[in-house]
PDB file of N, CA and C in Angstrom:
ATOM      1  N   MET A   1      46.292 -34.369  -6.693  1.00  0.00           N
ATOM      2  CA  MET A   1      46.598 -33.607  -7.746  1.00  0.00           C
ATOM      3  C   MET A   1      47.713 -34.073  -8.109  1.00  0.00           C
ATOM      4  N   ILE A   2      48.780 -34.235  -8.989  1.00  0.00           N
ATOM      5  CA  ILE A   2      49.306 -35.002 -10.237  1.00  0.00           C
ATOM      6  C   ILE A   2      50.509 -33.537 -10.140  1.00  0.00           C
ATOM      7  N   GLY A   3      51.702 -33.760  -8.923  1.00  0.00           N
ATOM      8  CA  GLY A   3      52.654 -32.726 -10.008  1.00  0.00           C
ATOM      9  C   GLY A   3      52.716 -32.106  -8.884  1.00  0.00           C
ATOM     10  N   GLY A   4      51.693 -32.593  -7.359  1.00  0.00           N
ATOM     11  CA  GLY A   4      52.164 -31.116  -6.207  1.00  0.00           C
ATOM     12  C   GLY A   4      50.533 -31.133  -5.740  1.00  0.00           C
ATOM     13  N   SER A   5      50.605 -30.108  -4.903  1.00  0.00           N
ATOM     14  CA  SER A   5      49.329 -29.283  -4.750  1.00  0.00           C
ATOM     15  C   SER A   5      49.393 -28.747  -5.331  1.00  0.00           C
ATOM     16  N   VAL A   6      48.211 -28.054  -5.332  1.00  0.00           N
ATOM     17  CA  VAL A   6      47.083 -26.526  -5.469  1.00  0.00           C
ATOM     18  C   VAL A   6      47.768 -25.494  -5.576  1.00  0.00           C
ATOM     19  N   THR A   7      48.540 -25.303  -3.971  1.00  0.00           N
ATOM     20  CA  THR A   7      49.164 -24.430  -3.831  1.00  0.00           C
ATOM     21  C   THR A   7      50.297 -24.526  -5.137  1.00  0.00           C
ATOM     22  N   GLU A   8      51.365 -25.458  -4.730  1.00  0.00           N
ATOM     23  CA  GLU A   8      52.718 -24.813  -5.673  1.00  0.00           C
ATOM     24  C   GLU A   8      52.734 -24.800  -6.866  1.00  0.00           C
ATOM     25  N   LYS A   9      51.619 -25.477  -6.735  1.00  0.00           N
ATOM     26  CA  LYS A   9      51.153 -25.463  -8.469  1.00  0.00           C
ATOM     27  C   LYS A   9      51.007 -23.577  -9.000  1.00  0.00           C
ATOM     28  N   ILE A  10      49.908 -23.014  -8.026  1.00  0.00           N
ATOM     29  CA  ILE A  10      49.685 -21.745  -8.237  1.00  0.00           C
ATOM     30  C   ILE A  10      51.047 -20.725  -7.576  1.00  0.00           C
ATOM     31  N   ILE A  11      51.894 -20.738  -6.679  1.00  0.00           N
ATOM     32  CA  ILE A  11      53.499 -20.763  -6.479  1.00  0.00           C
ATOM     33  C   ILE A  11      53.930 -20.347  -7.725  1.00  0.00           C
ATOM     34  N   ARG A  12      54.315 -21.691  -8.021  1.00  0.00           N
ATOM     35  CA  ARG A  12      54.740 -21.773 -10.368  1.00  0.00           C
ATOM     36  C   ARG A  12      53.886 -20.864 -11.061  1.00  0.00           C
ATOM     37  N   GLU A  13      53.193 -20.448 -10.848  1.00  0.00           N
ATOM     38  CA  GLU A  13      52.705 -19.983 -12.053  1.00  0.00           C
ATOM     39  C   GLU A  13      52.514 -18.396 -11.692  1.00  0.00           C
ATOM     40  N   LYS A  14      52.464 -18.123 -10.664  1.00  0.00           N
ATOM     41  CA  LYS A  14      52.586 -16.991 -10.011  1.00  0.00           C
ATOM     42  C   LYS A  14      54.058 -16.451 -10.247  1.00  0.00           C
ATOM     43  N   LYS A  15      55.270 -16.993  -9.820  1.00  0.00           N
ATOM     44  CA  LYS A  15      56.490 -17.322 -10.890  1.00  0.00           C
ATOM     45  C   LYS A  15      56.321 -16.355 -12.227  1.00  0.00           C
ATOM     46  N   LEU A  16      55.881 -17.383 -12.652  1.00  0.00           N
ATOM     47  CA  LEU A  16      55.934 -17.079 -13.903  1.00  0.00           C
ATOM     48  C   LEU A  16      54.752 -16.174 -14.725  1.00  0.00           C
ATOM     49  N   TYR A  17      54.212 -15.687 -13.662  1.00  0.00           N
ATOM     50  CA  TYR A  17      53.237 -13.970 -14.257  1.00  0.00           C
ATOM     51  C   TYR A  17      54.542 -13.574 -13.741  1.00  0.00           C
ATOM     52  N   HIS A  18      55.162 -13.015 -12.708  1.00  0.00           N
ATOM     53  CA  HIS A  18      55.656 -11.857 -11.934  1.00  0.00           C
ATOM     54  C   HIS A  18      57.035 -11.687 -12.883  1.00  0.00           C
ATOM     55  N   LEU A  19      57.382 -12.631 -13.479  1.00  0.00           N
ATOM     56  CA  LEU A  19      58.486 -12.436 -14.648  1.00  0.00           C
ATOM     57  C   LEU A  19      58.125 -11.825 -16.205  1.00  0.00           C
ATOM     58  N   GLN A  20      56.619 -12.116 -16.130  1.00  0.00           N
ATOM     59  CA  GLN A  20      56.160 -11.839 -17.400  1.00  0.00           C
ATOM     60  C   GLN A  20      55.583 -10.411 -17.039  1.00  0.00           C
ATOM     61  N   GLY A  21      55.835  -9.976 -16.037  1.00  0.00           N
ATOM     62  CA  GLY A  21      55.515  -8.495 -15.351  1.00  0.00           C
ATOM     63  C   GLY A  21      54.760  -8.238 -15.242  1.00  0.00           C
ATOM     64  N   GLY A  22      53.630  -8.950 -14.702  1.00  0.00           N
ATOM     65  CA  GLY A  22      52.710  -8.787 -13.839  1.00  0.00           C
ATOM     66  C   GLY A  22      52.006  -9.031 -12.864  1.00  0.00           C
ATOM     67  N   LYS A  23      51.178  -8.016 -11.879  1.00  0.00           N
ATOM     68  CA  LYS A  23      51.435  -8.333 -10.599  1.00  0.00           C
ATOM     69  C   LYS A  23      49.902  -9.096  -9.753  1.00  0.00           C
ATOM     70  N   MET A  24      50.144 -10.273  -9.177  1.00  0.00           N
ATOM     71  CA  MET A  24      48.908 -10.719  -9.080  1.00  0.00           C
ATOM     72  C   MET A  24      48.879 -10.514  -7.731  1.00  0.00           C
ATOM     73  N   THR A  25      47.678 -10.338  -6.941  1.00  0.00           N
ATOM     74  CA  THR A  25      47.077  -9.637  -6.310  1.00  0.00           C
ATOM     75  C   THR A  25      46.100 -11.180  -5.222  1.00  0.00           C
ATOM     76  N   ALA A  26      45.075 -11.406  -6.261  1.00  0.00           N
ATOM     77  CA  ALA A  26      43.960 -12.215  -5.243  1.00  0.00           C
ATOM     78  C   ALA A  26      44.033 -13.692  -6.364  1.00  0.00           C
ATOM     79  N   VAL A  27      44.145 -15.006  -5.930  1.00  0.00           N
ATOM     80  CA  VAL A  27      43.514 -16.324  -6.388  1.00  0.00           C
ATOM     81  C   VAL A  27      42.201 -16.218  -5.708  1.00  0.00           C
ATOM     82  N   ILE A  28      41.317 -17.011  -6.556  1.00  0.00           N
ATOM     83  CA  ILE A  28      40.237 -17.461  -6.301  1.00  0.00           C
ATOM     84  C   ILE A  28      40.081 -19.071  -7.297  1.00  0.00           C
ATOM     85  N   TYR A  29      39.377 -19.724  -5.697  1.00  0.00           N
ATOM     86  CA  TYR A  29      39.587 -20.953  -5.997  1.00  0.00           C
ATOM     87  C   TYR A  29      37.821 -21.477  -6.354  1.00  0.00           C
ATOM     88  N   SER A  30      37.820 -21.638  -7.324  1.00  0.00           N
ATOM     89  CA  SER A  30      36.089 -21.545  -7.404  1.00  0.00           C
ATOM     90  C   SER A  30      35.147 -22.984  -8.311  1.00  0.00           C
ATOM     91  N   ASN A  31      34.290 -23.199  -7.482  1.00  0.00           N
ATOM     92  CA  ASN A  31      33.540 -23.836  -7.963  1.00  0.00           C
ATOM     93  C   ASN A  31      31.880 -23.359  -9.058  1.00  0.00           C
ATOM     94  N   GLY A  32      32.367 -22.285  -9.902  1.00  0.00           N
ATOM     95  CA  GLY A  32      31.480 -21.121 -10.223  1.00  0.00           C
ATOM     96  C   GLY A  32      30.185 -21.289  -9.784  1.00  0.00           C
ATOM     97  N   SER A  33      29.597 -21.042  -8.403  1.00  0.00           N
ATOM     98  CA  SER A  33      29.089 -20.408  -7.444  1.00  0.00           C
ATOM     99  C   SER A  33      28.386 -19.170  -7.513  1.00  0.00           C
ATOM    100  N   GLN A  34      27.738 -19.085  -6.746  1.00  0.00           N
ATOM    101  CA  GLN A  34      27.089 -17.593  -7.163  1.00  0.00           C
ATOM    102  C   GLN A  34      28.396 -16.538  -6.124  1.00  0.00           C
ATOM    103  N   GLU A  35      28.770 -17.274  -5.263  1.00  0.00           N
ATOM    104  CA  GLU A  35      29.294 -16.914  -4.013  1.00  0.00           C
ATOM    105  C   GLU A  35      30.977 -16.262  -4.720  1.00  0.00           C
ATOM    106  N   CYS A  36      31.096 -17.246  -6.018  1.00  0.00           N
ATOM    107  CA  CYS A  36      32.408 -17.378  -6.526  1.00  0.00           C
ATOM    108  C   CYS A  36      32.315 -16.363  -7.342  1.00  0.00           C
ATOM    109  N   GLU A  37      31.188 -16.089  -8.208  1.00  0.00           N
ATOM    110  CA  GLU A  37      30.968 -15.063  -9.063  1.00  0.00           C
ATOM    111  C   GLU A  37      31.242 -13.209  -8.634  1.00  0.00           C
ATOM    112  N   ARG A  38      30.307 -13.685  -7.523  1.00  0.00           N
ATOM    113  CA  ARG A  38      30.391 -12.321  -6.569  1.00  0.00           C
ATOM    114  C   ARG A  38      31.342 -12.146  -5.790  1.00  0.00           C
ATOM    115  N   MET A  39      31.898 -12.807  -5.149  1.00  0.00           N
ATOM    116  CA  MET A  39      33.704 -12.404  -5.036  1.00  0.00           C
ATOM    117  C   MET A  39      34.317 -12.115  -6.189  1.00  0.00           C
ATOM    118  N   ALA A  40      34.367 -12.527  -7.456  1.00  0.00           N
ATOM    119  CA  ALA A  40      34.653 -12.049  -8.573  1.00  0.00           C
ATOM    120  C   ALA A  40      34.629 -10.907  -8.750  1.00  0.00           C
ATOM    121  N   LEU A  41      33.383 -10.478  -8.661  1.00  0.00           N
ATOM    122  CA  LEU A  41      32.926  -9.285  -8.781  1.00  0.00           C
ATOM    123  C   LEU A  41      33.320  -7.833  -8.570  1.00  0.00           C
ATOM    124  N   LEU A  42      33.269  -8.732  -6.904  1.00  0.00           N
ATOM    125  CA  LEU A  42      33.675  -7.248  -5.556  1.00  0.00           C
ATOM    126  C   LEU A  42      35.120  -7.293  -5.919  1.00  0.00           C
ATOM    127  N   LEU A  43      35.699  -7.804  -6.155  1.00  0.00           N
ATOM    128  CA  LEU A  43      37.103  -7.836  -6.390  1.00  0.00           C
ATOM    129  C   LEU A  43      37.553  -7.291  -7.713  1.00  0.00           C
ATOM    130  N   LYS A  44      37.287  -7.267  -8.014  1.00  0.00           N
ATOM    131  CA  LYS A  44      37.082  -6.834  -9.891  1.00  0.00           C
ATOM    132  C   LYS A  44      36.883  -4.858  -9.327  1.00  0.00           C
ATOM    133  N   SER A  45      35.742  -4.756  -8.633  1.00  0.00           N
ATOM    134  CA  SER A  45      35.281  -3.630  -8.429  1.00  0.00           C
ATOM    135  C   SER A  45      36.154  -2.556  -7.143  1.00  0.00           C
ATOM    136  N   LEU A  46      37.185  -3.823  -6.765  1.00  0.00           N
ATOM    137  CA  LEU A  46      37.865  -3.138  -5.435  1.00  0.00           C
ATOM    138  C   LEU A  46      39.372  -2.484  -6.498  1.00  0.00           C
ATOM    139  N   GLY A  47      38.875  -2.457  -8.229  1.00  0.00           N
ATOM    140  CA  GLY A  47      40.461  -3.104  -8.815  1.00  0.00           C
ATOM    141  C   GLY A  47      41.800  -4.062  -8.735  1.00  0.00           C
ATOM    142  N   GLY A  48      41.079  -4.345  -8.215  1.00  0.00           N
ATOM    143  CA  GLY A  48      42.199  -5.761  -7.788  1.00  0.00           C
ATOM    144  C   GLY A  48      42.210  -6.755  -9.083  1.00  0.00           C
ATOM    145  N   GLU A  49      43.660  -7.318  -8.667  1.00  0.00           N
ATOM    146  CA  GLU A  49      43.002  -8.100  -9.408  1.00  0.00           C
ATOM    147  C   GLU A  49      43.451  -9.055  -9.655  1.00  0.00           C
ATOM    148  N   PHE A  50      42.961 -10.417 -10.398  1.00  0.00           N
ATOM    149  CA  PHE A  50      43.067 -11.669  -9.904  1.00  0.00           C
ATOM    150  C   PHE A  50      43.005 -12.819 -10.764  1.00  0.00           C
ATOM    151  N   LEU A  51      43.093 -13.785 -10.035  1.00  0.00           N
ATOM    152  CA  LEU A  51      43.528 -15.287 -11.037  1.00  0.00           C
ATOM    153  C   LEU A  51      41.931 -16.158 -10.791  1.00  0.00           C
ATOM    154  N   GLU A  52      41.499 -16.946 -11.064  1.00  0.00           N
ATOM    155  CA  GLU A  52      39.863 -17.445 -11.230  1.00  0.00           C
ATOM    156  C   GLU A  52      40.367 -18.772 -11.109  1.00  0.00           C
ATOM    157  N   TYR A  53      41.056 -19.910 -10.839  1.00  0.00           N
ATOM    158  CA  TYR A  53      40.788 -21.621 -10.388  1.00  0.00           C
ATOM    159  C   TYR A  53      39.887 -22.152 -10.850  1.00  0.00           C
ATOM    160  N   LYS A  54      39.234 -22.546 -11.640  1.00  0.00           N
ATOM    161  CA  LYS A  54      38.397 -23.308 -11.923  1.00  0.00           C
ATOM    162  C   LYS A  54      37.798 -24.812 -11.029  1.00  0.00           C
ATOM    163  N   LEU A  55      36.811 -25.351 -10.484  1.00  0.00           N
ATOM    164  CA  LEU A  55      37.121 -27.436 -10.085  1.00  0.00           C
ATOM    165  C   LEU A  55      37.239 -27.589 -11.773  1.00  0.00           C
ATOM    166  N   GLY A  56      38.040 -28.403 -11.668  1.00  0.00           N
ATOM    167  CA  GLY A  56      37.392 -29.602 -12.814  1.00  0.00           C
ATOM    168  C   GLY A  56      38.174 -29.077 -13.545  1.00  0.00           C
ATOM    169  N   TYR A  57      38.564 -27.757 -14.410  1.00  0.00           N
ATOM    170  CA  TYR A  57      39.932 -27.291 -15.326  1.00  0.00           C
ATOM    171  C   TYR A  57      41.005 -27.519 -14.575  1.00  0.00           C
ATOM    172  N   HIS A  58      41.915 -26.716 -13.530  1.00  0.00           N
ATOM    173  CA  HIS A  58      42.502 -25.970 -12.641  1.00  0.00           C
ATOM    174  C   HIS A  58      42.924 -27.053 -11.798  1.00  0.00           C
ATOM    175  N   PHE A  59      41.763 -27.910 -11.073  1.00  0.00           N
ATOM    176  CA  PHE A  59      41.957 -28.524  -9.389  1.00  0.00           C
ATOM    177  C   PHE A  59      40.372 -29.461 -10.085  1.00  0.00           C
ATOM    178  N   THR A  60      41.151 -30.365  -8.557  1.00  0.00           N
ATOM    179  CA  THR A  60      40.235 -31.375  -8.389  1.00  0.00           C
ATOM    180  C   THR A  60      39.257 -31.604  -7.186  1.00  0.00           C
ATOM    181  N   GLN A  61      38.205 -31.963  -6.921  1.00  0.00           N
ATOM    182  CA  GLN A  61      38.070 -31.512  -5.521  1.00  0.00           C
ATOM    183  C   GLN A  61      38.929 -32.431  -4.706  1.00  0.00           C
ATOM    184  N   ARG A  62      39.081 -33.562  -4.974  1.00  0.00           N
ATOM    185  CA  ARG A  62      40.004 -34.287  -4.140  1.00  0.00           C
ATOM    186  C   ARG A  62      41.305 -32.981  -3.815  1.00  0.00           C
ATOM    187  N   GLY A  63      42.111 -32.173  -5.023  1.00  0.00           N
ATOM    188  CA  GLY A  63      42.679 -31.638  -5.062  1.00  0.00           C
ATOM    189  C   GLY A  63      42.087 -30.565  -3.368  1.00  0.00           C
ATOM    190  N   PHE A  64      41.358 -29.640  -4.017  1.00  0.00           N
ATOM    191  CA  PHE A  64      40.844 -28.902  -2.953  1.00  0.00           C
ATOM    192  C   PHE A  64      40.546 -29.225  -1.833  1.00  0.00           C
ATOM    193  N   GLU A  65      39.859 -30.120  -1.626  1.00  0.00           N
ATOM    194  CA  GLU A  65      39.371 -30.979   0.219  1.00  0.00           C
ATOM    195  C   GLU A  65      41.341 -31.073   0.743  1.00  0.00           C
ATOM    196  N   ALA A  66      42.062 -31.567  -0.522  1.00  0.00           N
ATOM    197  CA  ALA A  66      43.648 -31.884   0.368  1.00  0.00           C
ATOM    198  C   ALA A  66      43.930 -30.359   0.479  1.00  0.00           C
ATOM    199  N   GLU A  67      44.299 -29.847   0.110  1.00  0.00           N
ATOM    200  CA  GLU A  67      44.652 -28.186   0.359  1.00  0.00           C
ATOM    201  C   GLU A  67      43.694 -26.984   1.081  1.00  0.00           C
ATOM    202  N   PHE A  68      42.601 -27.689   1.092  1.00  0.00           N
ATOM    203  CA  PHE A  68      41.716 -26.887   2.303  1.00  0.00           C
ATOM    204  C   PHE A  68      41.031 -27.188   3.407  1.00  0.00           C
ATOM    205  N   GLY A  69      41.076 -28.646   3.907  1.00  0.00           N
ATOM    206  CA  GLY A  69      40.372 -29.682   4.251  1.00  0.00           C
ATOM    207  C   GLY A  69      38.758 -29.799   4.231  1.00  0.00           C
ATOM    208  N   GLU A  70      38.194 -30.779   3.648  1.00  0.00           N
ATOM    209  CA  GLU A  70      37.098 -31.838   3.481  1.00  0.00           C
ATOM    210  C   GLU A  70      36.103 -30.826   3.893  1.00  0.00           C
ATOM    211  N   ASN A  71      35.962 -29.719   4.954  1.00  0.00           N
ATOM    212  CA  ASN A  71      34.999 -29.230   5.268  1.00  0.00           C
ATOM    213  C   ASN A  71      35.100 -27.386   4.718  1.00  0.00           C
ATOM    214  N   ALA A  72      35.752 -27.308   4.317  1.00  0.00           N
ATOM    215  CA  ALA A  72      36.074 -25.856   3.077  1.00  0.00           C
ATOM    216  C   ALA A  72      34.828 -25.516   2.109  1.00  0.00           C
ATOM    217  N   GLU A  73      34.847 -24.226   2.798  1.00  0.00           N
ATOM    218  CA  GLU A  73      33.315 -23.984   1.734  1.00  0.00           C
ATOM    219  C   GLU A  73      33.584 -23.157   0.116  1.00  0.00           C
ATOM    220  N   TYR A  74      33.324 -23.244  -1.159  1.00  0.00           N
ATOM    221  CA  TYR A  74      34.085 -22.450  -2.170  1.00  0.00           C
ATOM    222  C   TYR A  74      32.721 -21.325  -2.158  1.00  0.00           C
ATOM    223  N   PRO A  75      33.788 -20.162  -2.561  1.00  0.00           N
ATOM    224  CA  PRO A  75      35.369 -19.671  -2.736  1.00  0.00           C
ATOM    225  C   PRO A  75      36.186 -20.098  -1.913  1.00  0.00           C
ATOM    226  N   GLN A  76      37.447 -20.602  -2.143  1.00  0.00           N
ATOM    227  CA  GLN A  76      38.645 -20.464  -0.753  1.00  0.00           C
ATOM    228  C   GLN A  76      39.298 -18.418  -2.289  1.00  0.00           C
ATOM    229  N   ILE A  77      39.754 -18.007  -0.966  1.00  0.00           N
ATOM    230  CA  ILE A  77      40.290 -16.808  -1.329  1.00  0.00           C
ATOM    231  C   ILE A  77      42.448 -17.132  -0.854  1.00  0.00           C
ATOM    232  N   ASN A  78      43.087 -16.701  -1.913  1.00  0.00           N
ATOM    233  CA  ASN A  78      44.688 -16.282  -1.705  1.00  0.00           C
ATOM    234  C   ASN A  78      44.712 -14.689  -1.769  1.00  0.00           C
ATOM    235  N   ILE A  79      44.854 -13.799  -0.746  1.00  0.00           N
ATOM    236  CA  ILE A  79      45.528 -12.614  -1.302  1.00  0.00           C
ATOM    237  C   ILE A  79      46.758 -12.332  -1.165  1.00  0.00           C
ATOM    238  N   GLY A  80      47.956 -12.351  -1.834  1.00  0.00           N
ATOM    239  CA  GLY A  80      49.166 -11.928  -2.056  1.00  0.00           C
ATOM    240  C   GLY A  80      49.421 -13.686  -1.666  1.00  0.00           C
ATOM    241  N   PHE A  81      50.351 -14.034  -0.801  1.00  0.00           N
ATOM    242  CA  PHE A  81      50.615 -15.825  -0.718  1.00  0.00           C
ATOM    243  C   PHE A  81      50.282 -15.913   0.439  1.00  0.00           C
ATOM    244  N   ARG A  82      49.276 -14.896   0.889  1.00  0.00           N
ATOM    245  CA  ARG A  82      48.542 -15.840   2.137  1.00  0.00           C
ATOM    246  C   ARG A  82      47.637 -16.051   1.511  1.00  0.00           C
ATOM    247  N   HIS A  83      46.646 -17.370   2.519  1.00  0.00           N
ATOM    248  CA  HIS A  83      45.595 -18.304   2.247  1.00  0.00           C
ATOM    249  C   HIS A  83      44.785 -17.084   3.069  1.00  0.00           C
ATOM    250  N   ILE A  84      43.357 -16.390   3.105  1.00  0.00           N
ATOM    251  CA  ILE A  84      42.645 -15.954   3.902  1.00  0.00           C
ATOM    252  C   ILE A  84      41.884 -16.421   3.981  1.00  0.00           C
ATOM    253  N   GLY A  85      41.023 -17.030   3.099  1.00  0.00           N
ATOM    254  CA  GLY A  85      39.639 -17.890   3.514  1.00  0.00           C
ATOM    255  C   GLY A  85      38.579 -17.976   2.618  1.00  0.00           C
ATOM    256  N   ASN A  86      37.415 -18.519   2.930  1.00  0.00           N
ATOM    257  CA  ASN A  86      36.089 -18.060   2.084  1.00  0.00           C
ATOM    258  C   ASN A  86      35.193 -17.065   2.118  1.00  0.00           C
ATOM    259  N   MET A  87      34.177 -16.724   0.926  1.00  0.00           N
ATOM    260  CA  MET A  87      33.991 -15.803   1.072  1.00  0.00           C
ATOM    261  C   MET A  87      33.693 -14.837   2.463  1.00  0.00           C
ATOM    262  N   LYS A  88      33.069 -14.994   3.748  1.00  0.00           N
ATOM    263  CA  LYS A  88      32.885 -14.411   5.007  1.00  0.00           C
ATOM    264  C   LYS A  88      34.455 -14.459   5.257  1.00  0.00           C
ATOM    265  N   GLU A  89      35.088 -14.981   5.228  1.00  0.00           N
ATOM    266  CA  GLU A  89      36.843 -14.734   5.747  1.00  0.00           C
ATOM    267  C   GLU A  89      37.383 -13.167   6.002  1.00  0.00           C
ATOM    268  N   THR A  90      37.055 -13.609   3.962  1.00  0.00           N
ATOM    269  CA  THR A  90      37.809 -12.535   2.729  1.00  0.00           C
ATOM    270  C   THR A  90      37.288 -11.233   3.214  1.00  0.00           C
ATOM    271  N   LEU A  91      36.007 -10.878   3.597  1.00  0.00           N
ATOM    272  CA  LEU A  91      35.275 -10.362   3.085  1.00  0.00           C
ATOM    273  C   LEU A  91      35.223  -9.357   4.650  1.00  0.00           C
ATOM    274  N   GLN A  92      35.658 -10.466   6.139  1.00  0.00           N
ATOM    275  CA  GLN A  92      35.473  -9.690   7.127  1.00  0.00           C
ATOM    276  C   GLN A  92      37.687  -8.213   6.795  1.00  0.00           C
ATOM    277  N   HIS A  93      38.594  -9.643   6.186  1.00  0.00           N
ATOM    278  CA  HIS A  93      39.963  -9.510   6.466  1.00  0.00           C
ATOM    279  C   HIS A  93      39.431  -8.272   5.502  1.00  0.00           C
ATOM    280  N   LEU A  94      39.181  -8.135   4.037  1.00  0.00           N
ATOM    281  CA  LEU A  94      38.643  -7.046   3.357  1.00  0.00           C
ATOM    282  C   LEU A  94      38.233  -5.370   3.520  1.00  0.00           C
ATOM    283  N   LYS A  95      37.617  -5.898   5.392  1.00  0.00           N
ATOM    284  CA  LYS A  95      37.089  -4.693   5.089  1.00  0.00           C
ATOM    285  C   LYS A  95      38.042  -3.771   6.617  1.00  0.00           C
ATOM    286  N   ALA A  96      38.713  -4.899   7.419  1.00  0.00           N
ATOM    287  CA  ALA A  96      39.838  -5.158   8.202  1.00  0.00           C
ATOM    288  C   ALA A  96      40.717  -3.893   8.110  1.00  0.00           C
ATOM    289  N   GLU A  97      40.882  -4.339   6.338  1.00  0.00           N
ATOM    290  CA  GLU A  97      42.259  -3.900   5.580  1.00  0.00           C
ATOM    291  C   GLU A  97      42.227  -2.453   4.934  1.00  0.00           C
ATOM    292  N   GLY A  98      40.550  -2.231   5.068  1.00  0.00           N
ATOM    293  CA  GLY A  98      39.915  -1.029   4.970  1.00  0.00           C
ATOM    294  C   GLY A  98      39.506  -0.590   3.568  1.00  0.00           C
ATOM    295  N   ALA A  99      39.335  -1.876   2.678  1.00  0.00           N
ATOM    296  CA  ALA A  99      38.988  -1.578   1.487  1.00  0.00           C
ATOM    297  C   ALA A  99      37.011  -1.367   1.339  1.00  0.00           C
ATOM    298  N   PHE A 100      36.858  -1.342   2.323  1.00  0.00           N
ATOM    299  CA  PHE A 100      35.324  -0.802   2.582  1.00  0.00           C
ATOM    300  C   PHE A 100      35.027  -0.676   3.951  1.00  0.00           C
ATOM    301  N   VAL A 101      33.781   0.249   4.045  1.00  0.00           N
ATOM    302  CA  VAL A 101      33.029   0.447   5.363  1.00  0.00           C
ATOM    303  C   VAL A 101      32.561  -0.864   5.840  1.00  0.00           C
TER     304      VAL A 101
END
C-alpha cells in the first residue's frame, strides 16, 4: 500500500474520526463475502459502531496480505485498536467478553 500499511491508514482515520466527536469501536476488513456481511450485521445488532473497509476501494489484496498474512481469511476485525482476527476468532472474543451467550 502506498503511504503506509492498512493499519497506519486506519489509525490516522480513527484519530480524525475521534477529533470529529465520533466513537470508533470496530473495523471490518471486508471482501464483500457473506461472512463479512454477517459480521457487520452482528456488530450492528449488538449496538456497536464500526467502519467497513472494502477490498479494492480502501485497500488492495497485497496490502491485506502484508498486514494480516498470506493465509488470512476475510473478514478481519479490529475492536478498538486491537486486532481480534477472523470471524471465528471475533465470535469467540465477543462471547468471552459477554456480548452474547
